[in-house]
Amino acid sequence: MAHSKKVFTKKPIYAFIDASNLFYGGAKSLGWKIDYKKLLKYLKEKYSVSRTFYYGGIEIFGFDYSILERQPINLRKLISHLKNKLDQQGISEGQIVLIDRNLQRAKFYLNLEKFGYYLRIKPVKIFVNENGKPVKKANCDVDMTFDLMRYMQQYAGLVALTGDGDFAPVLCYLKSKGREIKILARGERTAKELKQLVGADFRDFHYLREILKFETK
């Protein structure tokens, strides 16, 4: 009687990008502009990443969207909505600048999606603080933590692109469950707990400048 061979399939590696932490301040803060095609290619070649999740926020200016629908923001419809807003009469110069900035961000996110990123984009919320000043917030930590946990049976390891120490408990838990954890972040913005957790598996994002920087043609 012939014995059938068992085929063992190795689980993949996933990457999770906390954009508000890693890329806070953009090129001005980082000192150089990232080529996101190169970043995706680097994660695939260096860490064998098969899926890369990107977490970010955007202001939607009255666009009809609810998180309760359990659907991602339709970026194409949002772009159309923002363009219509810019065509309205009587909006201030400040509003024009703000709407256009988010219009460009929506287009940027659409490009990321075309490149192959899995987007987790949420609306920016505006709160009034104790001083009566509006504060904008699009904290994606909960969203990223949720995905880290709900996909944990799918991956053997992960690359976390964040320096936020708030992720230390969940990453510590995942490591205790046998998941390989690597962290790619800006050294000066990375919590010591994260560096201690992964040790030699921490890599400073700044050292990737020559590999990942966007070259203008």
Protein backbone atom coordinates (compact mmCIF):
# COMPACT_ATOMS: atom_id res chain seq x y z
CA MET A 1 0.00 0.00 0.00
CA ALA A 2 1.49 3.32 -1.05
CA HIS A 3 1.87 5.96 1.62
CA SER A 4 0.95 9.47 0.59
CA LYS A 5 3.44 12.17 1.45
CA LYS A 6 2.31 15.00 3.68
CA VAL A 7 2.97 18.40 2.21
CA PHE A 8 3.83 21.05 4.76
CA THR A 9 3.31 24.61 3.63
CA LYS A 10 5.27 27.24 5.49
CA LYS A 11 3.16 30.12 6.67
CA PRO A 12 3.99 33.50 5.13
CA ILE A 13 5.43 36.68 6.60
CA TYR A 14 3.23 39.78 6.87
CA ALA A 15 4.25 43.43 7.25
CA PHE A 16 2.28 46.08 9.15
CA ILE A 17 3.03 49.77 8.55
CA ASP A 18 2.05 52.32 11.19
CA ALA A 19 2.29 55.30 8.83
CA SER A 20 1.48 57.99 11.41
CA ASN A 21 4.44 56.87 13.51
CA LEU A 22 7.01 55.84 10.93
CA PHE A 23 6.38 58.61 8.40
CA TYR A 24 5.23 61.39 10.75
CA GLY A 25 6.26 64.74 9.30
CA GLY A 26 6.87 63.27 5.85
CA ALA A 27 10.00 64.08 3.88
CA LYS A 28 10.68 67.16 6.04
CA SER A 29 10.95 65.03 9.16
CA LEU A 30 12.61 62.00 7.58
CA GLY A 31 14.97 64.08 5.45
CA TRP A 32 14.23 62.18 2.24
CA LYS A 33 11.27 61.02 0.16
CA ILE A 34 10.30 57.34 0.20
CA ASP A 35 9.72 55.36 -2.97
CA TYR A 36 6.85 53.09 -1.95
CA LYS A 37 7.37 50.71 -4.85
CA LYS A 38 10.93 50.20 -3.62
CA LEU A 39 9.71 49.73 -0.04
CA LEU A 40 7.30 46.98 -1.07
CA LYS A 41 10.03 45.31 -3.16
CA TYR A 42 12.48 45.56 -0.26
CA LEU A 43 10.06 43.94 2.20
CA LYS A 44 9.45 41.09 -0.24
CA GLU A 45 13.13 40.48 -0.99
CA LYS A 46 14.63 41.10 2.44
CA TYR A 47 11.96 39.55 4.67
CA SER A 48 9.93 37.39 2.22
CA VAL A 49 6.81 39.44 3.03
CA SER A 50 3.73 38.32 1.11
CA ARG A 51 1.26 40.92 2.43
CA THR A 52 1.90 44.50 3.51
CA PHE A 53 -0.79 46.38 5.44
CA TYR A 54 -0.68 50.18 5.53
CA TYR A 55 -2.53 52.16 8.24
CA GLY A 56 -3.26 55.85 7.75
CA GLY A 57 -5.89 58.58 8.04
CA ILE A 58 -7.59 61.15 5.84
CA GLU A 59 -10.03 64.05 6.28
CA ILE A 60 -13.22 63.34 4.34
CA PHE A 61 -15.11 66.70 4.55
CA GLY A 62 -18.64 65.36 4.85
CA PHE A 63 -18.15 62.34 2.57
CA ASP A 64 -20.86 59.75 3.26
CA TYR A 65 -19.00 57.01 5.14
CA SER A 66 -19.51 55.00 8.31
CA ILE A 67 -17.13 52.52 9.91
CA LEU A 68 -20.25 50.49 10.82
CA GLU A 69 -20.67 49.55 7.15
CA ARG A 70 -17.53 47.42 7.58
CA GLN A 71 -16.28 48.50 4.18
CA PRO A 72 -13.11 50.45 3.35
CA ILE A 73 -13.38 54.05 2.24
CA ASN A 74 -14.05 54.16 -1.51
CA LEU A 75 -11.11 56.32 -2.50
CA ARG A 76 -12.33 57.01 -6.03
CA LYS A 77 -15.67 58.30 -4.75
CA LEU A 78 -13.86 60.31 -2.07
CA ILE A 79 -11.63 61.91 -4.71
CA SER A 80 -14.73 62.89 -6.71
CA HIS A 81 -16.33 64.30 -3.53
CA LEU A 82 -13.25 66.40 -2.70
CA LYS A 83 -13.04 67.75 -6.25
CA ASN A 84 -16.68 68.82 -5.99
CA LYS A 85 -15.89 70.55 -2.70
CA LEU A 86 -13.12 72.53 -4.40
CA ASP A 87 -15.56 73.66 -7.10
CA GLN A 88 -17.99 75.13 -4.55
CA GLN A 89 -18.34 78.88 -4.31
CA GLY A 90 -17.40 80.81 -1.21
CA ILE A 91 -14.84 78.50 0.38
CA SER A 92 -11.84 80.17 1.98
CA GLU A 93 -8.23 79.92 0.82
CA GLY A 94 -7.45 77.95 3.95
CA GLN A 95 -10.18 75.42 3.18
CA ILE A 96 -8.99 75.12 -0.41
CA VAL A 97 -5.47 74.29 0.77
CA LEU A 98 -6.77 71.77 3.31
CA ILE A 99 -9.14 70.02 0.90
CA ASP A 100 -6.50 69.88 -1.83
CA ARG A 101 -3.98 68.41 0.62
CA ASN A 102 -6.38 65.57 1.41
CA LEU A 103 -7.26 65.16 -2.25
CA GLN A 104 -3.57 64.54 -2.97
CA ARG A 105 -3.43 62.13 -0.03
CA ALA A 106 -6.40 60.17 -1.40
CA LYS A 107 -4.62 59.91 -4.77
CA PHE A 108 -1.47 58.78 -2.96
CA TYR A 109 -3.40 56.05 -1.15
CA LEU A 110 -4.94 54.94 -4.44
CA ASN A 111 -1.43 54.56 -5.86
CA LEU A 112 -0.37 52.50 -2.85
CA GLU A 113 -3.31 50.20 -3.51
CA LYS A 114 -2.23 49.83 -7.15
CA PHE A 115 1.31 48.98 -6.02
CA GLY A 116 -0.07 46.12 -3.92
CA TYR A 117 -0.45 47.49 -0.39
CA TYR A 118 -3.45 46.40 1.69
CA LEU A 119 -4.92 49.70 2.86
CA ARG A 120 -6.48 50.39 6.24
CA ILE A 121 -7.51 54.03 5.91
CA LYS A 122 -9.79 55.70 8.45
CA PRO A 123 -11.36 59.17 8.60
CA VAL A 124 -9.65 61.83 10.68
CA LYS A 125 -11.82 62.88 13.60
CA ILE A 126 -11.82 66.40 15.01
CA PHE A 127 -12.13 66.89 18.76
CA VAL A 128 -12.21 70.05 20.84
CA ASN A 129 -9.66 69.95 23.66
CA GLU A 130 -9.96 71.49 27.12
CA ASN A 131 -8.63 74.78 25.74
CA GLY A 132 -11.40 74.92 23.16
CA LYS A 133 -9.03 74.23 20.26
CA PRO A 134 -9.82 71.65 17.58
CA VAL A 135 -7.55 68.59 17.59
CA LYS A 136 -7.34 66.21 14.64
CA LYS A 137 -6.86 62.53 15.29
CA ALA A 138 -6.78 59.35 13.19
CA ASN A 139 -5.23 56.89 15.59
CA CYS A 140 -4.88 53.57 13.77
CA ASP A 141 -3.27 51.67 16.67
CA VAL A 142 -6.46 49.74 17.42
CA ASP A 143 -6.92 48.83 13.74
CA MET A 144 -3.36 47.56 13.45
CA THR A 145 -3.57 45.64 16.73
CA PHE A 146 -6.84 44.08 15.56
CA ASP A 147 -5.21 42.86 12.33
CA LEU A 148 -2.11 41.62 14.15
CA MET A 149 -4.35 39.39 16.24
CA ARG A 150 -6.99 38.33 13.73
CA TYR A 151 -4.41 37.24 11.14
CA MET A 152 -1.98 35.60 13.58
CA GLN A 153 -2.96 32.08 12.47
CA GLN A 154 -2.06 33.00 8.90
CA TYR A 155 1.54 34.14 9.38
CA ALA A 156 4.73 32.64 10.79
CA GLY A 157 6.27 36.02 11.45
CA LEU A 158 5.85 39.72 10.89
CA VAL A 159 7.70 42.92 10.18
CA ALA A 160 6.29 45.82 12.21
CA LEU A 161 7.13 49.21 10.75
CA THR A 162 6.55 51.26 13.87
CA GLY A 163 8.43 52.63 16.84
CA ASP A 164 5.33 53.05 19.00
CA GLY A 165 5.76 51.41 22.40
CA ASP A 166 1.99 50.88 22.64
CA PHE A 167 2.48 47.85 20.39
CA ALA A 168 4.89 46.20 22.84
CA PRO A 169 2.21 44.10 24.67
CA VAL A 170 0.68 42.61 21.51
CA LEU A 171 4.08 41.99 19.88
CA CYS A 172 5.33 40.39 23.09
CA TYR A 173 2.27 38.13 23.10
CA LEU A 174 2.78 37.16 19.45
CA LYS A 175 6.42 36.36 20.13
CA SER A 176 5.37 34.13 23.06
CA LYS A 177 3.15 32.26 20.58
CA GLY A 178 6.11 31.50 18.36
CA ARG A 179 5.81 34.30 15.81
CA GLU A 180 9.06 35.80 14.57
CA ILE A 181 9.02 39.56 15.15
CA LYS A 182 11.18 42.04 13.28
CA ILE A 183 10.93 45.80 13.63
CA LEU A 184 11.87 48.36 11.02
CA ALA A 185 11.58 51.92 12.35
CA ARG A 186 13.32 55.23 12.92
CA GLY A 187 15.81 54.71 15.72
CA GLU A 188 15.21 58.04 17.44
CA ARG A 189 11.43 57.46 17.42
CA THR A 190 11.45 53.84 18.61
CA ALA A 191 10.48 52.89 22.15
CA LYS A 192 13.20 51.08 24.09
CA GLU A 193 10.72 48.28 24.90
CA LEU A 194 10.45 47.44 21.21
CA LYS A 195 14.21 47.40 20.75
CA GLN A 196 14.60 45.17 23.79
CA LEU A 197 11.87 42.85 22.55
CA VAL A 198 13.47 42.08 19.20
CA GLY A 199 17.15 42.73 19.93
CA ALA A 200 19.18 42.20 16.77
CA ASP A 201 15.97 42.00 14.73
CA PHE A 202 15.57 45.79 14.95
CA ARG A 203 16.67 47.79 11.92
CA ASP A 204 16.88 51.55 11.72
CA PHE A 205 14.86 52.87 8.78
CA HIS A 206 17.36 55.68 8.23
CA TYR A 207 20.00 53.21 7.03
CA LEU A 208 17.75 52.32 4.10
CA ARG A 209 17.89 55.77 2.56
CA GLU A 210 20.02 54.79 -0.44
CA ILE A 211 17.85 51.73 -1.07
CA LEU A 212 14.42 53.30 -0.65
CA LYS A 213 14.69 56.98 -1.53
CA PHE A 214 12.59 58.34 -4.36
CA GLU A 215 14.70 59.42 -7.33
CA THR A 216 13.29 62.25 -9.44
CA LYS A 217 13.71 61.62 -13.14
